[in-house]
Amino acid sequence: MYKRRDDHPVFENFLLPFDGKLDPGNRWVRLSKLIPWDMLEELYGSKLSDGMGRPGKNVRVAFGAQIIKHKLNLSDEEVVEQIRENPYLQYFIGLEEFRSEAPFDASLMTTFRKRFKLEDVFDINDLIEERVRMLVDDESSESSRDDDSGDDDRGNAGKLIIDATVAPADVKYPTDLSLLNDAREDAERLLDVLWEQSSSKERKPRTYRRKARQSYLAVSKKRRPKTKTIRNAIKKQLGFLKRDLSHIDNLLADGYVLNAGDAERLEILRVVHRQQREMHETRTHSVKDRIVSFSQPWIRPIVRGKASADVEFGSKLSVSLVDGIVRIDRLSWDAYNESEDLAFQVEEYKRRNGFYPASVHADGIYGTRANRAYLKSRGIRFSGKPLGRPPKETEDNKTALKEKRERARQDELDRIPIEGKFGQGKRKYGLDLIMAKLPETSATWIAMIMLVMNLEKWMVEVGDVLRRLFLSFSPSIYASKRFPIVASESRGRTLTGVLFGERLKAA
């Protein structure tokens, strides 16, 4: 049955709920109480000049917009539109009244990411965690954290779950032929830039760009070209690229100049040509520090052996999980063996809690002899399969072996949550495709996703507390408990992904 409606609402008569006031129980209102904005002001203000330049957006706008972006998994443009339309989001970023115009341009989202480095997000994560503990401790007369007070004389306690994953970047799947074609086209562009500076009436150096393009398309359009066909096409593109680089060198020798960006691009072209020529001559498909993307030359192929993708292109993360809170212990653009991070992750656990974990849960790759000896010396149990031949079952040890199998099964179940966190980050928050184009903004993007996942956990943990304290909450409650922001260099964090320019100079 359908009941026809003739009195459709008029915009001017539309009524706001709650007598025109925001609902104090809204998730964005409660989340705003969880974040120590006053402490973030100190961190953010130290990065900006006090007397020079145009006044920047305050920290609540800059950091709040990033939380909105990753919590809702939106593009930069959609973040601005959502804030413009939603009064709760406007309150979350610190506006005092509803405004129908956009609070900032979407291009500023990149600037916000640049101002919050990876180490800054780590520190903010610790600040929020400390506030959560304060909220829980102030509400409960018997703190749930008393067992984790951090006394050095207490024994090992808690579970440390560790694993590694890759956050793929937004690059097309690279092939040697397509990479060389892109390099050739970019070299032709640089040659055009240099030739525009010429006032000579001499003939422009020939690049055979049409012939090179046709040669590339003749192979790339084939559905399944033969290996010999691809190899011949690569040889031709190497020749075209070598010719273009030679013309560019001649023009540079004659006094023509390139700007800083194009000069860096030229160095990348030289490296690509050298790497591809070396692989072609040696008939291999690997080379040290192999470039797979022009737009993001710091990205390396990382072999993961997964069913969906044997090789991924992005940053590799070593991650630890404790009580549902996830942390990045290492972020690198180069492939590495994650087992070498175990000792660092265990020491980080001790730094945060004051004691070692009772057990470490990880997959088999972490079970090296060195790691097992390290854990054994500190009284930490490793969840992996023991080394050596399993004992033969007898009537005397039957019960003991059954208990060991049950514990091994439980250890595997205890390791599942970190896989769930990876799935949550990649399916819900966009960790499976990092759209940032710079190494530092990509790192911030990844760290913000982890922070948002932690915020979801903390919101559940202190949900009832926030509902009762939303009116009485005041930063002065915690004035006596404030603590300094420790410099990230002293916190033991590691960021091993260096900028391409530094690596290039070293080469």
Foldseek 3Di string as FASTA:
>chain_A
DDDDDDCDDDPVPDDDPPRPDDDCLDPLNLLLLLAPLVQVQVVLVVLDDPPDDDDDQGPLQLVLLLLQCQQQVHQLQVSQVVCLVDVSSVVSSPDPDRDNDGPDDSVCNLVSLVSQFLLNLVLSLVVSVVSLQVLQCVVDVDHPCPVLQQALPDAAAFEKEKDKDFQFAPDDFFDLLVVLLVLLVLLVVVLVVQCVPDPDPDDRDDLCNVVLVVLSCVQVVDPDDDPVSVLVNSVVSLVSNVSSLVSSVVSVVVPGDDDPVSVVLNLVSVVSSVVSVVCSVVVHDDDPLHAGDSLARLWDWEQDCDPVDRIGIGWMFIWMATPQAIDTQEIARDYDQSLVCVVVVQVLVCVVRNYGHQEYQYEDSNPDPVNVVVCVVRNHHYLYDDDDDDDDDDPVCPVVVVVNVVSNVVSVVVNVVVVVVVVCLVVRRPSNYQHDRAPRSSSSSVSSSSSSSVSVVSCVVCVVSSVVCSPVDDVVVCPVPDDDRDDSVVSNGYYHYDGPVVVSVVD
